[in-house]
């Protein structure tokens, strides 16, 4: 059985989780074209290697961030969105 650690609920069976897509910056919806907005909504980079993704713990409706190696399917880290965005803003300053 594969286990994923939810940062709020702890280690759980992977069957309790739903993939929510890559973490990516949104274009300005007022300034981008319909094609650019469509690409943002529906296309993923599909990177081979380490990616940062949204995940949902479905039983508790808890959204969080996971870093996963797409080649090995190893989950490297999980964190709340608050923690992820705080860390990201620290690296930008």
PDB file of N, CA and C in Angstrom:
ATOM      1  N   UNK A   1       0.841  -1.166   0.000  1.00  0.00           N
ATOM      2  CA  UNK A   1       0.000   0.000   0.000  1.00  0.00           C
ATOM      3  C   UNK A   1       0.896   1.242   0.000  1.00  0.00           C
ATOM      4  N   UNK A   2       0.592   2.199  -0.868  1.00  0.00           N
ATOM      5  CA  UNK A   2       1.347   3.449  -0.934  1.00  0.00           C
ATOM      6  C   UNK A   2       0.741   4.445   0.056  1.00  0.00           C
ATOM      7  N   UNK A   3       1.637   5.125   0.776  1.00  0.00           N
ATOM      8  CA  UNK A   3       1.221   6.082   1.792  1.00  0.00           C
ATOM      9  C   UNK A   3       1.659   7.486   1.380  1.00  0.00           C
ATOM     10  N   UNK A   4       0.759   8.453   1.567  1.00  0.00           N
ATOM     11  CA  UNK A   4       1.099   9.864   1.377  1.00  0.00           C
ATOM     12  C   UNK A   4       0.821  10.550   2.714  1.00  0.00           C
ATOM     13  N   UNK A   5       1.694  11.470   3.093  1.00  0.00           N
ATOM     14  CA  UNK A   5       1.508  12.183   4.351  1.00  0.00           C
ATOM     15  C   UNK A   5       0.819  13.513   4.083  1.00  0.00           C
ATOM     16  N   UNK A   6      -0.392  13.615   4.567  1.00  0.00           N
ATOM     17  CA  UNK A   6      -1.125  14.881   4.508  1.00  0.00           C
ATOM     18  C   UNK A   6      -0.556  15.765   5.608  1.00  0.00           C
ATOM     19  N   UNK A   7      -0.217  17.021   5.316  1.00  0.00           N
ATOM     20  CA  UNK A   7       0.364  17.876   6.354  1.00  0.00           C
ATOM     21  C   UNK A   7      -0.605  18.200   7.495  1.00  0.00           C
ATOM     22  N   UNK A   8      -1.885  17.958   7.301  1.00  0.00           N
ATOM     23  CA  UNK A   8      -2.877  18.219   8.349  1.00  0.00           C
ATOM     24  C   UNK A   8      -3.321  16.924   9.039  1.00  0.00           C
ATOM     25  N   UNK A   9      -3.505  15.851   8.250  1.00  0.00           N
ATOM     26  CA  UNK A   9      -4.087  14.615   8.768  1.00  0.00           C
ATOM     27  C   UNK A   9      -3.097  13.468   8.948  1.00  0.00           C
ATOM     28  N   UNK A  10      -1.839  13.669   8.584  1.00  0.00           N
ATOM     29  CA  UNK A  10      -0.824  12.637   8.776  1.00  0.00           C
ATOM     30  C   UNK A  10      -0.811  11.602   7.662  1.00  0.00           C
ATOM     31  N   UNK A  11      -0.077  10.497   7.860  1.00  0.00           N
ATOM     32  CA  UNK A  11       0.059   9.455   6.838  1.00  0.00           C
ATOM     33  C   UNK A  11      -1.281   8.775   6.542  1.00  0.00           C
ATOM     34  N   UNK A  12      -1.604   8.686   5.236  1.00  0.00           N
ATOM     35  CA  UNK A  12      -2.883   8.095   4.818  1.00  0.00           C
ATOM     36  C   UNK A  12      -2.657   7.254   3.563  1.00  0.00           C
ATOM     37  N   UNK A  13      -3.574   6.335   3.304  1.00  0.00           N
ATOM     38  CA  UNK A  13      -3.554   5.537   2.083  1.00  0.00           C
ATOM     39  C   UNK A  13      -3.697   6.465   0.875  1.00  0.00           C
ATOM     40  N   UNK A  14      -2.894   6.240  -0.152  1.00  0.00           N
ATOM     41  CA  UNK A  14      -2.900   7.104  -1.346  1.00  0.00           C
ATOM     42  C   UNK A  14      -4.287   7.161  -2.007  1.00  0.00           C
ATOM     43  N   UNK A  15      -5.113   6.162  -1.779  1.00  0.00           N
ATOM     44  CA  UNK A  15      -6.455   6.147  -2.363  1.00  0.00           C
ATOM     45  C   UNK A  15      -7.333   7.284  -1.838  1.00  0.00           C
ATOM     46  N   UNK A  16      -6.938   7.910  -0.729  1.00  0.00           N
ATOM     47  CA  UNK A  16      -7.712   9.012  -0.162  1.00  0.00           C
ATOM     48  C   UNK A  16      -7.412  10.359  -0.822  1.00  0.00           C
ATOM     49  N   UNK A  17      -6.453  10.378  -1.775  1.00  0.00           N
ATOM     50  CA  UNK A  17      -5.999  11.645  -2.337  1.00  0.00           C
ATOM     51  C   UNK A  17      -6.384  11.791  -3.810  1.00  0.00           C
ATOM     52  N   UNK A  18      -6.540  13.046  -4.219  1.00  0.00           N
ATOM     53  CA  UNK A  18      -6.864  13.380  -5.602  1.00  0.00           C
ATOM     54  C   UNK A  18      -5.841  14.406  -6.080  1.00  0.00           C
ATOM     55  N   UNK A  19      -5.244  14.158  -7.246  1.00  0.00           N
ATOM     56  CA  UNK A  19      -4.271  15.072  -7.837  1.00  0.00           C
ATOM     57  C   UNK A  19      -4.988  16.304  -8.355  1.00  0.00           C
ATOM     58  N   UNK A  20      -4.437  17.486  -8.089  1.00  0.00           N
ATOM     59  CA  UNK A  20      -5.092  18.719  -8.484  1.00  0.00           C
ATOM     60  C   UNK A  20      -4.364  19.529  -9.532  1.00  0.00           C
ATOM     61  N   UNK A  21      -3.232  19.040 -10.016  1.00  0.00           N
ATOM     62  CA  UNK A  21      -2.496  19.762 -11.046  1.00  0.00           C
ATOM     63  C   UNK A  21      -1.242  20.424 -10.512  1.00  0.00           C
ATOM     64  N   UNK A  22      -0.453  20.913 -11.436  1.00  0.00           N
ATOM     65  CA  UNK A  22       0.807  21.558 -11.089  1.00  0.00           C
ATOM     66  C   UNK A  22       0.558  22.925 -10.463  1.00  0.00           C
ATOM     67  N   UNK A  23       1.435  23.318  -9.563  1.00  0.00           N
ATOM     68  CA  UNK A  23       1.409  24.678  -9.033  1.00  0.00           C
ATOM     69  C   UNK A  23       2.053  25.563 -10.092  1.00  0.00           C
ATOM     70  N   UNK A  24       1.311  26.546 -10.558  1.00  0.00           N
ATOM     71  CA  UNK A  24       1.834  27.434 -11.598  1.00  0.00           C
ATOM     72  C   UNK A  24       1.218  28.810 -11.444  1.00  0.00           C
ATOM     73  N   UNK A  25       1.917  29.799 -11.930  1.00  0.00           N
ATOM     74  CA  UNK A  25       1.431  31.175 -11.865  1.00  0.00           C
ATOM     75  C   UNK A  25       0.299  31.384 -12.869  1.00  0.00           C
ATOM     76  N   UNK A  26      -0.674  32.157 -12.475  1.00  0.00           N
ATOM     77  CA  UNK A  26      -1.797  32.453 -13.367  1.00  0.00           C
ATOM     78  C   UNK A  26      -1.504  33.693 -14.192  1.00  0.00           C
ATOM     79  N   UNK A  27      -1.861  33.645 -15.477  1.00  0.00           N
ATOM     80  CA  UNK A  27      -1.747  34.870 -16.273  1.00  0.00           C
ATOM     81  C   UNK A  27      -2.859  35.837 -15.867  1.00  0.00           C
ATOM     82  N   UNK A  28      -2.687  37.094 -16.197  1.00  0.00           N
ATOM     83  CA  UNK A  28      -3.720  38.096 -15.927  1.00  0.00           C
ATOM     84  C   UNK A  28      -4.904  37.814 -16.851  1.00  0.00           C
ATOM     85  N   UNK A  29      -6.051  37.401 -16.299  1.00  0.00           N
ATOM     86  CA  UNK A  29      -7.185  37.045 -17.161  1.00  0.00           C
ATOM     87  C   UNK A  29      -7.702  38.216 -17.986  1.00  0.00           C
ATOM     88  N   UNK A  30      -7.468  39.439 -17.544  1.00  0.00           N
ATOM     89  CA  UNK A  30      -7.930  40.606 -18.295  1.00  0.00           C
ATOM     90  C   UNK A  30      -6.985  40.966 -19.434  1.00  0.00           C
ATOM     91  N   UNK A  31      -5.734  40.490 -19.362  1.00  0.00           N
ATOM     92  CA  UNK A  31      -4.744  40.885 -20.364  1.00  0.00           C
ATOM     93  C   UNK A  31      -4.342  39.752 -21.306  1.00  0.00           C
ATOM     94  N   UNK A  32      -4.660  38.505 -20.969  1.00  0.00           N
ATOM     95  CA  UNK A  32      -4.230  37.400 -21.834  1.00  0.00           C
ATOM     96  C   UNK A  32      -5.314  37.042 -22.849  1.00  0.00           C
ATOM     97  N   UNK A  33      -4.911  36.348 -23.870  1.00  0.00           N
ATOM     98  CA  UNK A  33      -5.859  35.920 -24.905  1.00  0.00           C
ATOM     99  C   UNK A  33      -6.651  34.708 -24.405  1.00  0.00           C
ATOM    100  N   UNK A  34      -7.722  34.392 -25.114  1.00  0.00           N
ATOM    101  CA  UNK A  34      -8.502  33.205 -24.775  1.00  0.00           C
ATOM    102  C   UNK A  34      -7.639  31.950 -24.881  1.00  0.00           C
ATOM    103  N   UNK A  35      -6.773  31.896 -25.874  1.00  0.00           N
ATOM    104  CA  UNK A  35      -5.902  30.729 -26.062  1.00  0.00           C
ATOM    105  C   UNK A  35      -4.922  30.591 -24.896  1.00  0.00           C
ATOM    106  N   UNK A  36      -4.344  31.706 -24.436  1.00  0.00           N
ATOM    107  CA  UNK A  36      -3.420  31.661 -23.295  1.00  0.00           C
ATOM    108  C   UNK A  36      -4.143  31.212 -22.020  1.00  0.00           C
ATOM    109  N   UNK A  37      -5.353  31.706 -21.807  1.00  0.00           N
ATOM    110  CA  UNK A  37      -6.122  31.319 -20.624  1.00  0.00           C
ATOM    111  C   UNK A  37      -6.504  29.838 -20.692  1.00  0.00           C
ATOM    112  N   UNK A  38      -6.894  29.380 -21.854  1.00  0.00           N
ATOM    113  CA  UNK A  38      -7.232  27.967 -22.039  1.00  0.00           C
ATOM    114  C   UNK A  38      -6.015  27.083 -21.768  1.00  0.00           C
ATOM    115  N   UNK A  39      -4.854  27.475 -22.295  1.00  0.00           N
ATOM    116  CA  UNK A  39      -3.627  26.722 -22.037  1.00  0.00           C
ATOM    117  C   UNK A  39      -3.342  26.660 -20.539  1.00  0.00           C
ATOM    118  N   UNK A  40      -3.513  27.767 -19.848  1.00  0.00           N
ATOM    119  CA  UNK A  40      -3.261  27.797 -18.408  1.00  0.00           C
ATOM    120  C   UNK A  40      -4.191  26.831 -17.672  1.00  0.00           C
ATOM    121  N   UNK A  41      -5.448  26.815 -18.050  1.00  0.00           N
ATOM    122  CA  UNK A  41      -6.423  25.979 -17.355  1.00  0.00           C
ATOM    123  C   UNK A  41      -6.267  24.490 -17.637  1.00  0.00           C
ATOM    124  N   UNK A  42      -5.913  24.143 -18.872  1.00  0.00           N
ATOM    125  CA  UNK A  42      -6.011  22.743 -19.270  1.00  0.00           C
ATOM    126  C   UNK A  42      -4.708  22.040 -19.618  1.00  0.00           C
ATOM    127  N   UNK A  43      -3.613  22.774 -19.780  1.00  0.00           N
ATOM    128  CA  UNK A  43      -2.354  22.136 -20.158  1.00  0.00           C
ATOM    129  C   UNK A  43      -1.382  22.115 -18.988  1.00  0.00           C
ATOM    130  N   UNK A  44      -0.659  21.016 -18.863  1.00  0.00           N
ATOM    131  CA  UNK A  44       0.363  20.868 -17.831  1.00  0.00           C
ATOM    132  C   UNK A  44       1.716  20.752 -18.523  1.00  0.00           C
ATOM    133  N   UNK A  45       2.786  21.118 -17.822  1.00  0.00           N
ATOM    134  CA  UNK A  45       4.136  21.026 -18.393  1.00  0.00           C
ATOM    135  C   UNK A  45       4.571  19.568 -18.546  1.00  0.00           C
ATOM    136  N   UNK A  46       4.045  18.684 -17.679  1.00  0.00           N
ATOM    137  CA  UNK A  46       4.357  17.257 -17.742  1.00  0.00           C
ATOM    138  C   UNK A  46       5.875  17.013 -17.680  1.00  0.00           C
ATOM    139  N   UNK A  47       6.516  17.653 -16.737  1.00  0.00           N
ATOM    140  CA  UNK A  47       7.961  17.584 -16.559  1.00  0.00           C
ATOM    141  C   UNK A  47       8.386  16.223 -16.031  1.00  0.00           C
ATOM    142  N   UNK A  48       9.470  15.699 -16.579  1.00  0.00           N
ATOM    143  CA  UNK A  48      10.076  14.481 -16.043  1.00  0.00           C
ATOM    144  C   UNK A  48      11.056  14.905 -14.960  1.00  0.00           C
ATOM    145  N   UNK A  49      10.766  14.553 -13.734  1.00  0.00           N
ATOM    146  CA  UNK A  49      11.606  14.955 -12.609  1.00  0.00           C
ATOM    147  C   UNK A  49      10.755  15.489 -11.482  1.00  0.00           C
ATOM    148  N   UNK A  50      11.333  16.349 -10.672  1.00  0.00           N
ATOM    149  CA  UNK A  50      10.640  16.873  -9.500  1.00  0.00           C
ATOM    150  C   UNK A  50       9.667  17.983  -9.903  1.00  0.00           C
ATOM    151  N   UNK A  51       8.414  17.818  -9.481  1.00  0.00           N
ATOM    152  CA  UNK A  51       7.376  18.813  -9.750  1.00  0.00           C
ATOM    153  C   UNK A  51       6.677  19.180  -8.443  1.00  0.00           C
ATOM    154  N   UNK A  52       6.067  20.352  -8.434  1.00  0.00           N
ATOM    155  CA  UNK A  52       5.288  20.813  -7.289  1.00  0.00           C
ATOM    156  C   UNK A  52       3.834  20.808  -7.707  1.00  0.00           C
ATOM    157  N   UNK A  53       2.998  20.110  -6.913  1.00  0.00           N
ATOM    158  CA  UNK A  53       1.617  19.857  -7.330  1.00  0.00           C
ATOM    159  C   UNK A  53       0.626  20.136  -6.198  1.00  0.00           C
ATOM    160  N   UNK A  54      -0.596  20.462  -6.596  1.00  0.00           N
ATOM    161  CA  UNK A  54      -1.719  20.531  -5.668  1.00  0.00           C
ATOM    162  C   UNK A  54      -2.272  19.125  -5.470  1.00  0.00           C
ATOM    163  N   UNK A  55      -2.584  18.787  -4.231  1.00  0.00           N
ATOM    164  CA  UNK A  55      -3.240  17.522  -3.907  1.00  0.00           C
ATOM    165  C   UNK A  55      -4.381  17.802  -2.935  1.00  0.00           C
ATOM    166  N   UNK A  56      -5.400  16.951  -2.986  1.00  0.00           N
ATOM    167  CA  UNK A  56      -6.558  17.065  -2.111  1.00  0.00           C
ATOM    168  C   UNK A  56      -6.683  15.795  -1.284  1.00  0.00           C
ATOM    169  N   UNK A  57      -6.790  15.951   0.042  1.00  0.00           N
ATOM    170  CA  UNK A  57      -7.170  14.812   0.876  1.00  0.00           C
ATOM    171  C   UNK A  57      -8.699  14.818   0.885  1.00  0.00           C
ATOM    172  N   UNK A  58      -9.284  13.935   0.084  1.00  0.00           N
ATOM    173  CA  UNK A  58     -10.721  13.978  -0.195  1.00  0.00           C
ATOM    174  C   UNK A  58     -11.612  13.810   1.042  1.00  0.00           C
ATOM    175  N   UNK A  59     -11.308  12.894   1.977  1.00  0.00           N
ATOM    176  CA  UNK A  59     -12.219  12.743   3.126  1.00  0.00           C
ATOM    177  C   UNK A  59     -12.378  14.007   3.972  1.00  0.00           C
ATOM    178  N   UNK A  60     -11.353  14.852   4.009  1.00  0.00           N
ATOM    179  CA  UNK A  60     -11.431  16.062   4.836  1.00  0.00           C
ATOM    180  C   UNK A  60     -11.453  17.344   4.001  1.00  0.00           C
ATOM    181  N   UNK A  61     -11.414  17.212   2.673  1.00  0.00           N
ATOM    182  CA  UNK A  61     -11.404  18.353   1.756  1.00  0.00           C
ATOM    183  C   UNK A  61     -10.249  19.316   2.066  1.00  0.00           C
ATOM    184  N   UNK A  62      -9.078  18.736   2.343  1.00  0.00           N
ATOM    185  CA  UNK A  62      -7.891  19.514   2.672  1.00  0.00           C
ATOM    186  C   UNK A  62      -6.972  19.597   1.466  1.00  0.00           C
ATOM    187  N   UNK A  63      -6.772  20.814   0.930  1.00  0.00           N
ATOM    188  CA  UNK A  63      -5.843  21.033  -0.174  1.00  0.00           C
ATOM    189  C   UNK A  63      -4.460  21.316   0.387  1.00  0.00           C
ATOM    190  N   UNK A  64      -3.430  20.767  -0.259  1.00  0.00           N
ATOM    191  CA  UNK A  64      -2.061  21.003   0.161  1.00  0.00           C
ATOM    192  C   UNK A  64      -1.125  20.848  -1.029  1.00  0.00           C
ATOM    193  N   UNK A  65       0.158  21.110  -0.801  1.00  0.00           N
ATOM    194  CA  UNK A  65       1.174  21.052  -1.840  1.00  0.00           C
ATOM    195  C   UNK A  65       2.071  19.839  -1.598  1.00  0.00           C
ATOM    196  N   UNK A  66       2.403  19.130  -2.677  1.00  0.00           N
ATOM    197  CA  UNK A  66       3.359  18.018  -2.593  1.00  0.00           C
ATOM    198  C   UNK A  66       4.420  18.200  -3.668  1.00  0.00           C
ATOM    199  N   UNK A  67       5.633  17.842  -3.325  1.00  0.00           N
ATOM    200  CA  UNK A  67       6.701  17.777  -4.313  1.00  0.00           C
ATOM    201  C   UNK A  67       6.915  16.297  -4.594  1.00  0.00           C
ATOM    202  N   UNK A  68       6.869  15.950  -5.885  1.00  0.00           N
ATOM    203  CA  UNK A  68       6.901  14.550  -6.289  1.00  0.00           C
ATOM    204  C   UNK A  68       7.842  14.385  -7.471  1.00  0.00           C
ATOM    205  N   UNK A  69       8.585  13.279  -7.476  1.00  0.00           N
ATOM    206  CA  UNK A  69       9.426  12.931  -8.618  1.00  0.00           C
ATOM    207  C   UNK A  69       8.556  12.133  -9.585  1.00  0.00           C
ATOM    208  N   UNK A  70       8.302  12.679 -10.759  1.00  0.00           N
ATOM    209  CA  UNK A  70       7.412  12.009 -11.712  1.00  0.00           C
ATOM    210  C   UNK A  70       8.062  10.802 -12.371  1.00  0.00           C
ATOM    211  N   UNK A  71       9.381  10.686 -12.293  1.00  0.00           N
ATOM    212  CA  UNK A  71      10.059   9.519 -12.875  1.00  0.00           C
ATOM    213  C   UNK A  71       9.904   8.304 -11.958  1.00  0.00           C
ATOM    214  N   UNK A  72      10.098   8.513 -10.652  1.00  0.00           N
ATOM    215  CA  UNK A  72      10.023   7.408  -9.690  1.00  0.00           C
ATOM    216  C   UNK A  72       8.685   7.346  -8.967  1.00  0.00           C
ATOM    217  N   UNK A  73       7.842   8.381  -9.110  1.00  0.00           N
ATOM    218  CA  UNK A  73       6.573   8.551  -8.403  1.00  0.00           C
ATOM    219  C   UNK A  73       6.774   8.620  -6.889  1.00  0.00           C
ATOM    220  N   UNK A  74       7.968   9.031  -6.466  1.00  0.00           N
ATOM    221  CA  UNK A  74       8.264   9.183  -5.045  1.00  0.00           C
ATOM    222  C   UNK A  74       7.768  10.549  -4.577  1.00  0.00           C
ATOM    223  N   UNK A  75       7.073  10.555  -3.450  1.00  0.00           N
ATOM    224  CA  UNK A  75       6.614  11.802  -2.851  1.00  0.00           C
ATOM    225  C   UNK A  75       7.745  12.300  -1.957  1.00  0.00           C
ATOM    226  N   UNK A  76       8.306  13.450  -2.307  1.00  0.00           N
ATOM    227  CA  UNK A  76       9.484  13.961  -1.620  1.00  0.00           C
ATOM    228  C   UNK A  76       9.136  14.815  -0.407  1.00  0.00           C
ATOM    229  N   UNK A  77       8.040  15.566  -0.491  1.00  0.00           N
ATOM    230  CA  UNK A  77       7.675  16.462   0.597  1.00  0.00           C
ATOM    231  C   UNK A  77       6.211  16.846   0.448  1.00  0.00           C
ATOM    232  N   UNK A  78       5.557  17.106   1.562  1.00  0.00           N
ATOM    233  CA  UNK A  78       4.203  17.659   1.553  1.00  0.00           C
ATOM    234  C   UNK A  78       4.168  18.804   2.554  1.00  0.00           C
ATOM    235  N   UNK A  79       3.352  19.807   2.254  1.00  0.00           N
ATOM    236  CA  UNK A  79       3.251  20.972   3.133  1.00  0.00           C
ATOM    237  C   UNK A  79       1.927  21.679   2.879  1.00  0.00           C
ATOM    238  N   UNK A  80       1.507  22.465   3.842  1.00  0.00           N
ATOM    239  CA  UNK A  80       0.303  23.268   3.638  1.00  0.00           C
ATOM    240  C   UNK A  80       0.601  24.316   2.565  1.00  0.00           C
ATOM    241  N   UNK A  81      -0.424  24.805   1.926  1.00  0.00           N
ATOM    242  CA  UNK A  81      -0.245  25.866   0.932  1.00  0.00           C
ATOM    243  C   UNK A  81       0.344  27.100   1.592  1.00  0.00           C
ATOM    244  N   UNK A  82      -0.067  27.384   2.808  1.00  0.00           N
ATOM    245  CA  UNK A  82       0.456  28.536   3.541  1.00  0.00           C
ATOM    246  C   UNK A  82       1.977  28.429   3.705  1.00  0.00           C
ATOM    247  N   UNK A  83       2.456  27.265   4.095  1.00  0.00           N
ATOM    248  CA  UNK A  83       3.897  27.045   4.252  1.00  0.00           C
ATOM    249  C   UNK A  83       4.616  27.183   2.921  1.00  0.00           C
ATOM    250  N   UNK A  84       4.064  26.575   1.877  1.00  0.00           N
ATOM    251  CA  UNK A  84       4.700  26.631   0.561  1.00  0.00           C
ATOM    252  C   UNK A  84       4.845  28.066   0.072  1.00  0.00           C
ATOM    253  N   UNK A  85       3.763  28.840   0.127  1.00  0.00           N
ATOM    254  CA  UNK A  85       3.810  30.197  -0.395  1.00  0.00           C
ATOM    255  C   UNK A  85       4.652  31.123   0.487  1.00  0.00           C
ATOM    256  N   UNK A  86       4.714  30.853   1.792  1.00  0.00           N
ATOM    257  CA  UNK A  86       5.594  31.625   2.675  1.00  0.00           C
ATOM    258  C   UNK A  86       7.055  31.359   2.319  1.00  0.00           C
ATOM    259  N   UNK A  87       7.398  30.084   2.094  1.00  0.00           N
ATOM    260  CA  UNK A  87       8.775  29.738   1.693  1.00  0.00           C
ATOM    261  C   UNK A  87       9.132  30.362   0.348  1.00  0.00           C
ATOM    262  N   UNK A  88       8.183  30.305  -0.580  1.00  0.00           N
ATOM    263  CA  UNK A  88       8.428  30.848  -1.911  1.00  0.00           C
ATOM    264  C   UNK A  88       8.630  32.360  -1.860  1.00  0.00           C
ATOM    265  N   UNK A  89       7.860  33.049  -1.038  1.00  0.00           N
ATOM    266  CA  UNK A  89       8.026  34.508  -0.945  1.00  0.00           C
ATOM    267  C   UNK A  89       9.341  34.871  -0.268  1.00  0.00           C
ATOM    268  N   UNK A  90       9.825  34.037   0.645  1.00  0.00           N
ATOM    269  CA  UNK A  90      11.116  34.272   1.291  1.00  0.00           C
ATOM    270  C   UNK A  90      12.261  34.178   0.287  1.00  0.00           C
ATOM    271  N   UNK A  91      12.157  33.263  -0.670  1.00  0.00           N
ATOM    272  CA  UNK A  91      13.225  33.106  -1.662  1.00  0.00           C
ATOM    273  C   UNK A  91      13.205  34.216  -2.703  1.00  0.00           C
ATOM    274  N   UNK A  92      12.069  34.904  -2.844  1.00  0.00           N
ATOM    275  CA  UNK A  92      11.964  35.992  -3.817  1.00  0.00           C
ATOM    276  C   UNK A  92      12.507  37.312  -3.271  1.00  0.00           C
ATOM    277  N   UNK A  93      12.622  37.413  -1.947  1.00  0.00           N
ATOM    278  CA  UNK A  93      13.093  38.673  -1.361  1.00  0.00           C
ATOM    279  C   UNK A  93      14.562  38.648  -1.067  1.00  0.00           C
TER     280      UNK A  93
END
